[in-house]
C-alpha cells in the first residue's frame, strides 16, 4: 500500500538556510518567505549548527561550500545528533558535484540541488521534504 502525504501548514514551518553568499541567502529568504515559511539564516556552519540545535527547524537548506566547514560534514554532524537527526536537509552546490556522487548521499542529506536552481525544482524538493503522512 502506498502512503499518502500532505504538505505541512506554511505558517508553522521554520526553514534554516545555511549559506555564506549574501545574494543567494537573500534569494532563498525571499522565495521561502513568499511561501509563508518562517526563516532562520546562518552564514557559516558553526552558526547553522547552533541554530539547528536551538530552534529545531522543520527543514534545513545548506550550501556545500561554507567558509568554516563543508556542508556535507555539517550534514553528517546533524544526522549523528539525536536532537537534529530527523530534520530533512537539502544540500546545494555550485561546485561540479552531482547527485550521483556517493559523498552526497553518504553525508545523510535528504535531497540535493545543483546551482543554479530552478525555482520549480526548489519548491518540488521542499514540498517532498516537508510532506507528512496523511492520516
N, C-alpha and C. Protein backbone atom coordinates (compact mmCIF):
# COMPACT_ATOMS: atom_id res chain seq x y z
N UNK A 1 0.85 -1.18 0.00
CA UNK A 1 0.00 0.00 0.00
C UNK A 1 0.89 1.24 0.00
N UNK A 2 0.58 2.19 -0.85
CA UNK A 2 1.36 3.42 -0.95
C UNK A 2 0.85 4.44 0.05
N UNK A 3 1.78 5.05 0.78
CA UNK A 3 1.41 6.07 1.76
C UNK A 3 1.10 7.37 1.06
N UNK A 4 0.10 8.09 1.55
CA UNK A 4 -0.25 9.40 1.01
C UNK A 4 0.36 10.47 1.90
N UNK A 5 0.87 11.52 1.28
CA UNK A 5 1.49 12.60 2.04
C UNK A 5 0.79 13.91 1.74
N UNK A 6 0.77 14.77 2.73
CA UNK A 6 0.19 16.11 2.57
C UNK A 6 1.21 17.14 3.05
N UNK A 7 1.20 18.35 2.46
CA UNK A 7 2.14 19.37 2.93
C UNK A 7 1.79 19.87 4.31
N UNK A 8 2.80 20.34 5.02
CA UNK A 8 2.58 20.95 6.33
C UNK A 8 2.00 22.34 6.14
N UNK A 9 1.45 22.88 7.20
CA UNK A 9 0.97 24.26 7.19
C UNK A 9 2.16 25.20 7.05
N UNK A 10 2.10 26.12 6.12
CA UNK A 10 3.20 27.05 5.90
C UNK A 10 3.47 27.93 7.11
N UNK A 11 2.41 28.35 7.79
CA UNK A 11 2.56 29.29 8.90
C UNK A 11 3.37 28.70 10.06
N UNK A 12 3.34 27.39 10.20
CA UNK A 12 4.03 26.75 11.31
C UNK A 12 5.38 26.17 10.93
N UNK A 13 5.82 26.43 9.71
CA UNK A 13 7.04 25.81 9.20
C UNK A 13 8.22 26.75 9.30
N UNK A 14 9.33 26.26 9.86
CA UNK A 14 10.55 27.04 10.01
C UNK A 14 11.65 26.40 9.18
N UNK A 15 12.27 27.21 8.32
CA UNK A 15 13.35 26.73 7.45
C UNK A 15 14.64 27.47 7.82
N UNK A 16 15.68 26.70 8.09
CA UNK A 16 17.01 27.25 8.34
C UNK A 16 17.79 27.20 7.04
N UNK A 17 18.31 28.35 6.61
CA UNK A 17 19.14 28.43 5.42
C UNK A 17 20.57 28.70 5.86
N UNK A 18 21.48 27.79 5.51
CA UNK A 18 22.90 27.92 5.85
C UNK A 18 23.62 28.20 4.54
N UNK A 19 23.97 29.47 4.34
CA UNK A 19 24.51 29.93 3.06
C UNK A 19 25.39 31.14 3.30
N UNK A 20 26.61 31.12 2.78
CA UNK A 20 27.53 32.23 3.02
C UNK A 20 27.47 33.32 1.96
N UNK A 21 26.88 33.05 0.82
CA UNK A 21 26.79 34.05 -0.24
C UNK A 21 25.56 34.93 0.02
N UNK A 22 25.78 36.22 0.22
CA UNK A 22 24.72 37.14 0.64
C UNK A 22 23.55 37.18 -0.35
N UNK A 23 23.82 37.27 -1.64
CA UNK A 23 22.73 37.36 -2.61
C UNK A 23 21.93 36.06 -2.69
N UNK A 24 22.62 34.94 -2.59
CA UNK A 24 21.91 33.65 -2.60
C UNK A 24 21.04 33.53 -1.36
N UNK A 25 21.55 33.98 -0.22
CA UNK A 25 20.76 33.96 1.01
C UNK A 25 19.51 34.82 0.85
N UNK A 26 19.66 36.01 0.30
CA UNK A 26 18.51 36.89 0.10
C UNK A 26 17.47 36.25 -0.80
N UNK A 27 17.94 35.59 -1.86
CA UNK A 27 17.02 34.93 -2.78
C UNK A 27 16.26 33.80 -2.09
N UNK A 28 16.98 32.94 -1.37
CA UNK A 28 16.32 31.86 -0.62
C UNK A 28 15.29 32.42 0.36
N UNK A 29 15.69 33.44 1.11
CA UNK A 29 14.77 34.03 2.09
C UNK A 29 13.53 34.60 1.43
N UNK A 30 13.69 35.28 0.30
CA UNK A 30 12.55 35.86 -0.40
C UNK A 30 11.61 34.77 -0.92
N UNK A 31 12.17 33.73 -1.51
CA UNK A 31 11.34 32.66 -2.05
C UNK A 31 10.63 31.89 -0.95
N UNK A 32 11.36 31.55 0.08
CA UNK A 32 10.79 30.79 1.19
C UNK A 32 9.76 31.64 1.94
N UNK A 33 10.09 32.91 2.15
CA UNK A 33 9.17 33.82 2.81
C UNK A 33 7.89 34.03 2.03
N UNK A 34 7.99 34.07 0.69
CA UNK A 34 6.82 34.25 -0.15
C UNK A 34 5.86 33.08 -0.03
N UNK A 35 6.39 31.95 0.35
CA UNK A 35 5.57 30.76 0.58
C UNK A 35 4.93 30.78 1.97
N UNK A 36 5.33 31.73 2.80
CA UNK A 36 4.77 31.84 4.13
C UNK A 36 5.54 31.12 5.21
N UNK A 37 6.69 30.54 4.86
CA UNK A 37 7.50 29.85 5.85
C UNK A 37 8.32 30.85 6.64
N UNK A 38 8.55 30.54 7.91
CA UNK A 38 9.47 31.33 8.71
C UNK A 38 10.89 30.93 8.32
N UNK A 39 11.84 31.84 8.45
CA UNK A 39 13.22 31.52 8.09
C UNK A 39 14.19 31.93 9.19
N UNK A 40 15.24 31.16 9.28
CA UNK A 40 16.42 31.49 10.07
C UNK A 40 17.57 31.48 9.09
N UNK A 41 18.58 32.30 9.33
CA UNK A 41 19.71 32.29 8.41
C UNK A 41 21.02 32.16 9.17
N UNK A 42 21.95 31.45 8.53
CA UNK A 42 23.28 31.25 9.11
C UNK A 42 24.30 31.41 7.99
N UNK A 43 25.32 32.26 8.19
CA UNK A 43 26.33 32.48 7.17
C UNK A 43 27.48 31.47 7.19
N UNK A 44 27.45 30.56 8.17
CA UNK A 44 28.53 29.59 8.28
C UNK A 44 28.02 28.36 9.03
N UNK A 45 28.85 27.32 9.04
CA UNK A 45 28.45 26.06 9.65
C UNK A 45 28.26 26.13 11.15
N UNK A 46 29.13 26.84 11.85
CA UNK A 46 29.01 26.92 13.31
C UNK A 46 27.69 27.56 13.72
N UNK A 47 27.32 28.63 13.04
CA UNK A 47 26.05 29.29 13.34
C UNK A 47 24.89 28.38 12.96
N UNK A 48 25.00 27.71 11.82
CA UNK A 48 23.96 26.80 11.39
C UNK A 48 23.73 25.68 12.38
N UNK A 49 24.81 25.10 12.89
CA UNK A 49 24.72 24.03 13.87
C UNK A 49 24.03 24.52 15.14
N UNK A 50 24.43 25.68 15.63
CA UNK A 50 23.84 26.24 16.84
C UNK A 50 22.35 26.53 16.65
N UNK A 51 21.99 27.12 15.51
CA UNK A 51 20.58 27.45 15.26
C UNK A 51 19.74 26.18 15.10
N UNK A 52 20.29 25.17 14.45
CA UNK A 52 19.56 23.91 14.27
C UNK A 52 19.27 23.27 15.62
N UNK A 53 20.26 23.26 16.48
CA UNK A 53 20.08 22.65 17.80
C UNK A 53 19.12 23.46 18.67
N UNK A 54 19.22 24.77 18.59
CA UNK A 54 18.38 25.64 19.43
C UNK A 54 16.93 25.69 18.98
N UNK A 55 16.71 25.81 17.66
CA UNK A 55 15.37 26.07 17.14
C UNK A 55 14.66 24.86 16.54
N UNK A 56 15.38 23.77 16.29
CA UNK A 56 14.78 22.57 15.71
C UNK A 56 13.90 22.91 14.50
N UNK A 57 14.49 23.48 13.44
CA UNK A 57 13.68 23.85 12.27
C UNK A 57 13.06 22.62 11.60
N UNK A 58 12.06 22.87 10.78
CA UNK A 58 11.39 21.78 10.05
C UNK A 58 12.20 21.32 8.84
N UNK A 59 13.10 22.19 8.37
CA UNK A 59 13.89 21.90 7.17
C UNK A 59 15.15 22.74 7.21
N UNK A 60 16.24 22.18 6.67
CA UNK A 60 17.49 22.93 6.53
C UNK A 60 17.89 22.90 5.06
N UNK A 61 18.20 24.07 4.52
CA UNK A 61 18.78 24.18 3.18
C UNK A 61 20.21 24.64 3.39
N UNK A 62 21.18 23.84 2.92
CA UNK A 62 22.57 24.10 3.25
C UNK A 62 23.48 24.04 2.03
N UNK A 63 24.32 25.05 1.91
CA UNK A 63 25.34 25.08 0.87
C UNK A 63 26.44 24.10 1.24
N UNK A 64 27.04 23.48 0.24
CA UNK A 64 28.15 22.56 0.49
C UNK A 64 29.41 23.34 0.86
N UNK A 65 29.65 24.46 0.16
CA UNK A 65 30.90 25.21 0.34
C UNK A 65 30.71 26.35 1.33
N UNK A 66 30.83 26.03 2.61
CA UNK A 66 30.74 27.04 3.66
C UNK A 66 32.15 27.47 4.06
N UNK A 67 32.30 28.65 4.65
CA UNK A 67 33.65 29.14 4.95
C UNK A 67 34.39 28.37 6.04
N UNK A 68 33.65 27.74 6.96
CA UNK A 68 34.32 27.10 8.09
C UNK A 68 34.26 25.58 8.09
N UNK A 69 33.36 25.00 7.32
CA UNK A 69 33.18 23.55 7.30
C UNK A 69 32.45 23.18 6.01
N UNK A 70 32.65 21.99 5.54
CA UNK A 70 31.88 21.50 4.40
C UNK A 70 30.43 21.29 4.84
N UNK A 71 29.51 21.69 3.99
CA UNK A 71 28.10 21.45 4.28
C UNK A 71 27.79 19.97 4.41
N UNK A 72 28.56 19.12 3.71
CA UNK A 72 28.36 17.68 3.83
C UNK A 72 28.83 17.18 5.19
N UNK A 73 29.95 17.74 5.69
CA UNK A 73 30.41 17.38 7.03
C UNK A 73 29.42 17.85 8.09
N UNK A 74 28.87 19.03 7.91
CA UNK A 74 27.88 19.54 8.85
C UNK A 74 26.61 18.69 8.80
N UNK A 75 26.23 18.24 7.62
CA UNK A 75 25.08 17.36 7.49
C UNK A 75 25.32 16.08 8.28
N UNK A 76 26.51 15.51 8.16
CA UNK A 76 26.84 14.30 8.92
C UNK A 76 26.70 14.55 10.43
N UNK A 77 27.20 15.70 10.88
CA UNK A 77 27.14 16.02 12.30
C UNK A 77 25.69 16.16 12.76
N UNK A 78 24.86 16.81 11.97
CA UNK A 78 23.45 16.98 12.32
C UNK A 78 22.72 15.64 12.33
N UNK A 79 23.04 14.77 11.38
CA UNK A 79 22.38 13.47 11.31
C UNK A 79 22.88 12.51 12.39
N UNK A 80 24.07 12.75 12.92
CA UNK A 80 24.60 11.93 14.02
C UNK A 80 24.07 12.37 15.38
N UNK A 81 23.45 13.52 15.45
CA UNK A 81 22.94 14.08 16.71
C UNK A 81 21.45 13.75 16.83
N UNK A 82 21.09 13.03 17.88
CA UNK A 82 19.68 12.62 18.02
C UNK A 82 18.73 13.81 18.09
N UNK A 83 19.21 15.00 18.49
CA UNK A 83 18.34 16.18 18.58
C UNK A 83 17.99 16.72 17.19
N UNK A 84 18.85 16.49 16.20
CA UNK A 84 18.63 17.09 14.87
C UNK A 84 18.53 16.05 13.76
N UNK A 85 18.63 14.78 14.10
CA UNK A 85 18.67 13.69 13.12
C UNK A 85 17.47 13.68 12.18
N UNK A 86 16.30 13.98 12.67
CA UNK A 86 15.07 13.86 11.86
C UNK A 86 14.81 15.07 10.97
N UNK A 87 15.58 16.13 11.11
CA UNK A 87 15.36 17.33 10.29
C UNK A 87 15.82 17.04 8.86
N UNK A 88 14.92 17.19 7.87
CA UNK A 88 15.35 16.99 6.48
C UNK A 88 16.36 18.07 6.09
N UNK A 89 17.38 17.66 5.33
CA UNK A 89 18.42 18.59 4.88
C UNK A 89 18.54 18.51 3.37
N UNK A 90 18.40 19.68 2.74
CA UNK A 90 18.63 19.81 1.30
C UNK A 90 19.99 20.47 1.14
N UNK A 91 20.92 19.79 0.49
CA UNK A 91 22.22 20.42 0.24
C UNK A 91 22.22 20.99 -1.17
N UNK A 92 22.90 22.14 -1.30
CA UNK A 92 23.00 22.82 -2.58
C UNK A 92 24.47 23.09 -2.88
N UNK A 93 24.80 23.16 -4.15
CA UNK A 93 26.18 23.49 -4.51
C UNK A 93 26.25 24.05 -5.91
N UNK A 94 27.22 24.93 -6.09
CA UNK A 94 27.56 25.44 -7.40
C UNK A 94 28.81 24.75 -7.93
N UNK A 95 29.37 23.87 -7.12
CA UNK A 95 30.58 23.14 -7.49
C UNK A 95 30.23 22.03 -8.48
N UNK A 96 31.23 21.51 -9.16
CA UNK A 96 30.96 20.42 -10.11
C UNK A 96 30.70 19.09 -9.40
N UNK A 97 29.64 19.05 -8.66
CA UNK A 97 29.24 17.87 -7.91
C UNK A 97 27.88 17.45 -8.45
N UNK A 98 27.63 16.17 -8.47
CA UNK A 98 26.36 15.67 -8.99
C UNK A 98 25.63 14.88 -7.93
N UNK A 99 24.34 14.76 -8.13
CA UNK A 99 23.52 13.98 -7.20
C UNK A 99 23.96 12.53 -7.14
N UNK A 100 24.61 12.05 -8.20
CA UNK A 100 25.06 10.66 -8.24
C UNK A 100 26.33 10.44 -7.42
N UNK A 101 27.00 11.50 -7.00
CA UNK A 101 28.24 11.36 -6.24
C UNK A 101 27.94 10.73 -4.88
N UNK A 102 28.66 9.67 -4.57
CA UNK A 102 28.42 8.90 -3.34
C UNK A 102 28.50 9.77 -2.09
N UNK A 103 29.45 10.71 -2.05
CA UNK A 103 29.63 11.50 -0.83
C UNK A 103 28.40 12.35 -0.50
N UNK A 104 27.62 12.70 -1.50
CA UNK A 104 26.40 13.48 -1.25
C UNK A 104 25.46 12.67 -0.36
N UNK A 105 25.19 11.45 -0.73
CA UNK A 105 24.22 10.62 -0.01
C UNK A 105 24.82 10.01 1.24
N UNK A 106 26.12 9.76 1.25
CA UNK A 106 26.78 9.24 2.45
C UNK A 106 26.74 10.26 3.59
N UNK A 107 26.60 11.53 3.26
CA UNK A 107 26.52 12.56 4.30
C UNK A 107 25.22 12.48 5.09
N UNK A 108 24.20 11.87 4.48
CA UNK A 108 22.92 11.76 5.15
C UNK A 108 21.89 12.77 4.69
N UNK A 109 22.23 13.56 3.66
CA UNK A 109 21.27 14.57 3.20
C UNK A 109 20.02 13.88 2.65
N UNK A 110 18.93 14.62 2.64
CA UNK A 110 17.67 14.10 2.16
C UNK A 110 17.40 14.48 0.71
N UNK A 111 18.07 15.52 0.24
CA UNK A 111 17.90 15.96 -1.15
C UNK A 111 19.12 16.77 -1.56
N UNK A 112 19.31 16.89 -2.87
CA UNK A 112 20.46 17.59 -3.43
C UNK A 112 19.98 18.43 -4.59
N UNK A 113 20.45 19.69 -4.65
CA UNK A 113 20.15 20.57 -5.77
C UNK A 113 21.43 21.26 -6.22
N UNK A 114 21.71 21.19 -7.52
CA UNK A 114 22.87 21.87 -8.08
C UNK A 114 22.45 23.28 -8.49
N UNK A 115 23.33 24.25 -8.21
CA UNK A 115 23.08 25.63 -8.61
C UNK A 115 23.56 25.82 -10.04
N UNK A 116 22.90 26.66 -10.82
CA UNK A 116 21.71 27.44 -10.46
C UNK A 116 20.49 26.54 -10.32
N UNK A 117 19.67 26.89 -9.35
CA UNK A 117 18.50 26.08 -9.02
C UNK A 117 17.26 26.71 -9.65
N UNK A 118 16.50 25.91 -10.38
CA UNK A 118 15.22 26.37 -10.90
C UNK A 118 14.25 26.49 -9.73
N UNK A 119 13.49 27.56 -9.70
CA UNK A 119 12.56 27.79 -8.60
C UNK A 119 11.57 26.64 -8.46
N UNK A 120 11.09 26.12 -9.57
CA UNK A 120 10.15 25.00 -9.50
C UNK A 120 10.81 23.77 -8.89
N UNK A 121 12.07 23.52 -9.20
CA UNK A 121 12.79 22.39 -8.60
C UNK A 121 12.96 22.59 -7.10
N UNK A 122 13.29 23.81 -6.70
CA UNK A 122 13.44 24.11 -5.28
C UNK A 122 12.16 23.79 -4.52
N UNK A 123 11.03 24.28 -5.02
CA UNK A 123 9.77 24.06 -4.32
C UNK A 123 9.32 22.61 -4.39
N UNK A 124 9.62 21.91 -5.48
CA UNK A 124 9.30 20.48 -5.54
C UNK A 124 10.03 19.72 -4.44
N UNK A 125 11.31 20.02 -4.28
CA UNK A 125 12.11 19.33 -3.26
C UNK A 125 11.67 19.74 -1.86
N UNK A 126 11.41 21.02 -1.66
CA UNK A 126 10.92 21.48 -0.35
C UNK A 126 9.61 20.77 -0.01
N UNK A 127 8.68 20.71 -0.97
CA UNK A 127 7.40 20.06 -0.73
C UNK A 127 7.57 18.60 -0.35
N UNK A 128 8.47 17.89 -1.03
CA UNK A 128 8.72 16.49 -0.71
C UNK A 128 9.33 16.33 0.68
N UNK A 129 10.26 17.20 1.01
CA UNK A 129 10.92 17.11 2.32
C UNK A 129 10.00 17.47 3.47
N UNK A 130 9.04 18.34 3.22
CA UNK A 130 8.14 18.78 4.29
C UNK A 130 6.83 18.00 4.35
N UNK A 131 6.60 17.12 3.40
CA UNK A 131 5.35 16.35 3.38
C UNK A 131 5.29 15.44 4.59
N UNK A 132 4.10 15.30 5.12
CA UNK A 132 3.88 14.42 6.26
C UNK A 132 2.83 13.37 5.86
N UNK A 133 2.88 12.18 6.44
CA UNK A 133 1.88 11.17 6.09
C UNK A 133 0.46 11.65 6.38
N UNK A 134 -0.44 11.37 5.44
CA UNK A 134 -1.85 11.72 5.64
C UNK A 134 -2.45 10.76 6.67
N UNK A 135 -3.38 11.25 7.42
CA UNK A 135 -4.00 10.41 8.47
C UNK A 135 -5.09 9.56 7.89
